[in-house]
Structures are given as C-alpha cells and as structure tokens.
C-alpha cells in the first residue's frame, strides 16, 4: 500500500512540475515577444516531459540548448 501511495505521489509531483514549468515558459516567451526576441522554446509535449522529469535543471537545459542553437546559426 505504501508503494502505491509513493508512486502516485511521485507521478503527481511530476505532473505539477510539468504544468508549472510550461506556465513559466509561456509567460517568459510572452515577455520576450513583447521585446521582439525570437521564440526560443515554446510549449509542447517534449518540453513538458523534460521539465516534469528534470524540474528546474530541465528548464535551464531547454533554454540553454535553444540559445546555443540560436548562436550557432
């Protein structure tokens, strides 16, 4: 019974992290678009899963990679 509760709690935490991370991405992209910056990351299922699994480091990973690819164009 404790195992099931732990698994459910872990999945719930991942979903909440993913939703909050996508909300932060959406707000940051909106703020950057008002300053005429190009869209860097966007909200999609891959980004949701990256943030859900990795949390804040996943957020920085997404933006770091997008800036790296933007600079190497």
N, C-alpha and C. Protein backbone atom coordinates (compact mmCIF):
# COMPACT_ATOMS: atom_id res chain seq x y z
N UNK A 1 0.82 -1.20 0.00
CA UNK A 1 0.00 0.00 0.00
C UNK A 1 0.87 1.26 0.00
N UNK A 2 1.96 1.25 0.77
CA UNK A 2 2.85 2.41 0.79
C UNK A 2 3.51 2.63 -0.57
N UNK A 3 3.79 1.51 -1.27
CA UNK A 3 4.42 1.61 -2.58
C UNK A 3 3.49 2.32 -3.57
N UNK A 4 2.23 1.96 -3.56
CA UNK A 4 1.26 2.58 -4.47
C UNK A 4 1.12 4.07 -4.16
N UNK A 5 1.07 4.41 -2.89
CA UNK A 5 0.96 5.81 -2.48
C UNK A 5 2.19 6.59 -2.92
N UNK A 6 3.37 6.00 -2.78
CA UNK A 6 4.60 6.68 -3.18
C UNK A 6 4.64 6.90 -4.69
N UNK A 7 4.19 5.91 -5.46
CA UNK A 7 4.18 6.04 -6.92
C UNK A 7 3.21 7.13 -7.35
N UNK A 8 2.03 7.15 -6.76
CA UNK A 8 1.03 8.16 -7.10
C UNK A 8 1.54 9.55 -6.74
N UNK A 9 2.18 9.68 -5.59
CA UNK A 9 2.73 10.97 -5.19
C UNK A 9 3.84 11.43 -6.14
N UNK A 10 4.69 10.50 -6.57
CA UNK A 10 5.76 10.83 -7.49
C UNK A 10 5.20 11.28 -8.85
N UNK A 11 4.19 10.58 -9.35
CA UNK A 11 3.57 10.98 -10.62
C UNK A 11 2.87 12.33 -10.49
N UNK A 12 2.20 12.53 -9.37
CA UNK A 12 1.52 13.81 -9.15
C UNK A 12 2.52 14.96 -9.13
N UNK A 13 3.65 14.77 -8.45
CA UNK A 13 4.69 15.80 -8.40
C UNK A 13 5.24 16.10 -9.79
N UNK A 14 5.43 15.07 -10.62
CA UNK A 14 5.93 15.27 -11.97
C UNK A 14 4.92 16.06 -12.81
N UNK A 15 3.65 15.74 -12.67
CA UNK A 15 2.62 16.47 -13.44
C UNK A 15 2.57 17.93 -13.01
N UNK A 16 2.63 18.18 -11.72
CA UNK A 16 2.60 19.56 -11.23
C UNK A 16 3.84 20.32 -11.70
N UNK A 17 5.01 19.69 -11.64
CA UNK A 17 6.24 20.34 -12.15
C UNK A 17 6.12 20.64 -13.63
N UNK A 18 5.56 19.72 -14.40
CA UNK A 18 5.40 19.95 -15.84
C UNK A 18 4.45 21.10 -16.14
N UNK A 19 3.33 21.15 -15.44
CA UNK A 19 2.36 22.23 -15.66
C UNK A 19 2.95 23.57 -15.26
N UNK A 20 3.60 23.62 -14.11
CA UNK A 20 4.20 24.88 -13.67
C UNK A 20 5.33 25.31 -14.61
N UNK A 21 6.12 24.37 -15.06
CA UNK A 21 7.20 24.70 -15.99
C UNK A 21 6.68 25.22 -17.31
N UNK A 22 5.62 24.62 -17.83
CA UNK A 22 5.04 25.10 -19.08
C UNK A 22 4.42 26.47 -18.90
N UNK A 23 3.85 26.73 -17.74
CA UNK A 23 3.30 28.07 -17.47
C UNK A 23 4.42 29.11 -17.45
N UNK A 24 5.55 28.76 -16.83
CA UNK A 24 6.68 29.69 -16.79
C UNK A 24 7.24 29.91 -18.19
N UNK A 25 7.34 28.86 -18.99
CA UNK A 25 7.80 29.00 -20.38
C UNK A 25 6.87 29.91 -21.15
N UNK A 26 5.56 29.70 -20.99
CA UNK A 26 4.59 30.52 -21.70
C UNK A 26 4.73 32.00 -21.31
N UNK A 27 4.85 32.28 -20.01
CA UNK A 27 4.98 33.67 -19.56
C UNK A 27 6.29 34.29 -20.03
N UNK A 28 7.38 33.53 -19.98
CA UNK A 28 8.67 34.05 -20.41
C UNK A 28 8.68 34.31 -21.91
N UNK A 29 8.09 33.42 -22.69
CA UNK A 29 8.01 33.63 -24.13
C UNK A 29 7.16 34.86 -24.45
N UNK A 30 6.09 35.07 -23.68
CA UNK A 30 5.25 36.25 -23.89
C UNK A 30 6.05 37.52 -23.60
N UNK A 31 6.78 37.53 -22.48
CA UNK A 31 7.58 38.71 -22.14
C UNK A 31 8.68 38.95 -23.17
N UNK A 32 9.31 37.89 -23.65
CA UNK A 32 10.35 38.06 -24.66
C UNK A 32 9.77 38.53 -25.99
N UNK A 33 8.56 38.09 -26.33
CA UNK A 33 7.96 38.51 -27.60
C UNK A 33 7.58 39.99 -27.57
N UNK A 34 7.28 40.54 -26.39
CA UNK A 34 6.99 41.97 -26.32
C UNK A 34 8.25 42.79 -26.53
N UNK A 35 9.41 42.19 -26.32
CA UNK A 35 10.70 42.86 -26.56
C UNK A 35 11.28 42.48 -27.92
N UNK A 36 10.50 41.81 -28.75
CA UNK A 36 10.85 41.41 -30.12
C UNK A 36 12.01 40.42 -30.18
N UNK A 37 12.11 39.54 -29.20
CA UNK A 37 13.05 38.44 -29.26
C UNK A 37 12.39 37.29 -30.02
N UNK A 38 13.18 36.44 -30.67
CA UNK A 38 12.56 35.28 -31.34
C UNK A 38 12.05 34.27 -30.32
N UNK A 39 11.06 33.49 -30.71
CA UNK A 39 10.56 32.45 -29.82
C UNK A 39 11.64 31.39 -29.67
N UNK A 40 11.99 31.08 -28.42
CA UNK A 40 13.09 30.17 -28.18
C UNK A 40 12.64 28.73 -27.94
N UNK A 41 11.73 28.52 -27.03
CA UNK A 41 11.41 27.15 -26.62
C UNK A 41 10.01 26.75 -27.04
N UNK A 42 9.00 27.45 -26.59
CA UNK A 42 7.63 27.08 -26.89
C UNK A 42 7.14 25.97 -25.95
N UNK A 43 5.85 25.74 -25.97
CA UNK A 43 5.24 24.74 -25.11
C UNK A 43 4.80 23.56 -25.97
N UNK A 44 5.34 22.39 -25.68
CA UNK A 44 4.92 21.16 -26.36
C UNK A 44 5.15 19.97 -25.43
N UNK A 45 4.80 18.81 -25.89
CA UNK A 45 4.85 17.62 -25.02
C UNK A 45 6.27 17.22 -24.64
N UNK A 46 7.22 17.40 -25.53
CA UNK A 46 8.62 17.06 -25.22
C UNK A 46 9.14 17.98 -24.12
N UNK A 47 8.87 19.27 -24.24
CA UNK A 47 9.30 20.21 -23.21
C UNK A 47 8.59 19.94 -21.89
N UNK A 48 7.32 19.58 -21.95
CA UNK A 48 6.57 19.23 -20.74
C UNK A 48 7.23 18.07 -20.02
N UNK A 49 7.57 17.02 -20.76
CA UNK A 49 8.18 15.84 -20.14
C UNK A 49 9.59 16.15 -19.61
N UNK A 50 10.34 16.98 -20.34
CA UNK A 50 11.68 17.34 -19.88
C UNK A 50 11.61 18.07 -18.55
N UNK A 51 10.70 19.02 -18.44
CA UNK A 51 10.57 19.76 -17.18
C UNK A 51 9.96 18.89 -16.09
N UNK A 52 9.02 18.02 -16.46
CA UNK A 52 8.38 17.16 -15.46
C UNK A 52 9.40 16.21 -14.83
N UNK A 53 10.31 15.70 -15.63
CA UNK A 53 11.29 14.74 -15.12
C UNK A 53 12.46 15.44 -14.43
N UNK A 54 12.99 16.50 -15.05
CA UNK A 54 14.21 17.13 -14.54
C UNK A 54 13.96 18.33 -13.63
N UNK A 55 12.80 18.96 -13.74
CA UNK A 55 12.49 20.12 -12.90
C UNK A 55 13.19 21.38 -13.40
N UNK A 56 13.70 22.18 -12.48
CA UNK A 56 14.36 23.44 -12.84
C UNK A 56 15.58 23.24 -13.73
N UNK A 57 16.42 22.23 -13.49
CA UNK A 57 17.53 22.00 -14.42
C UNK A 57 17.05 21.71 -15.84
N UNK A 58 15.90 21.07 -15.98
CA UNK A 58 15.34 20.83 -17.30
C UNK A 58 14.93 22.12 -17.99
N UNK A 59 14.41 23.06 -17.21
CA UNK A 59 14.05 24.38 -17.74
C UNK A 59 15.29 25.07 -18.29
N UNK A 60 16.35 25.08 -17.49
CA UNK A 60 17.59 25.72 -17.95
C UNK A 60 18.23 24.95 -19.10
N UNK A 61 18.08 23.65 -19.13
CA UNK A 61 18.58 22.85 -20.25
C UNK A 61 17.89 23.25 -21.55
N UNK A 62 16.58 23.39 -21.52
CA UNK A 62 15.83 23.76 -22.72
C UNK A 62 16.26 25.13 -23.23
N UNK A 63 16.34 26.10 -22.34
CA UNK A 63 16.73 27.44 -22.77
C UNK A 63 18.20 27.50 -23.15
N UNK A 64 19.05 26.77 -22.47
CA UNK A 64 20.47 26.73 -22.83
C UNK A 64 20.69 26.16 -24.22
N UNK A 65 20.01 25.04 -24.51
CA UNK A 65 20.15 24.45 -25.83
C UNK A 65 19.58 25.34 -26.93
N UNK A 66 18.46 25.99 -26.66
CA UNK A 66 17.88 26.84 -27.69
C UNK A 66 18.76 28.06 -27.96
N UNK A 67 19.38 28.63 -26.91
CA UNK A 67 20.29 29.74 -27.12
C UNK A 67 21.54 29.28 -27.85
N UNK A 68 22.04 28.10 -27.51
CA UNK A 68 23.21 27.55 -28.21
C UNK A 68 22.92 27.39 -29.70
N UNK A 69 21.76 26.81 -30.04
CA UNK A 69 21.42 26.64 -31.45
C UNK A 69 21.16 27.96 -32.14
N UNK A 70 20.66 28.95 -31.40
CA UNK A 70 20.44 30.27 -31.97
C UNK A 70 21.77 30.95 -32.29
N UNK A 71 22.76 30.76 -31.43
CA UNK A 71 24.06 31.38 -31.65
C UNK A 71 24.87 30.69 -32.74
N UNK A 72 24.62 29.42 -32.99
CA UNK A 72 25.41 28.70 -33.99
C UNK A 72 24.78 28.76 -35.38
N UNK A 73 23.69 29.46 -35.55
CA UNK A 73 23.08 29.58 -36.88
C UNK A 73 23.89 30.44 -37.78
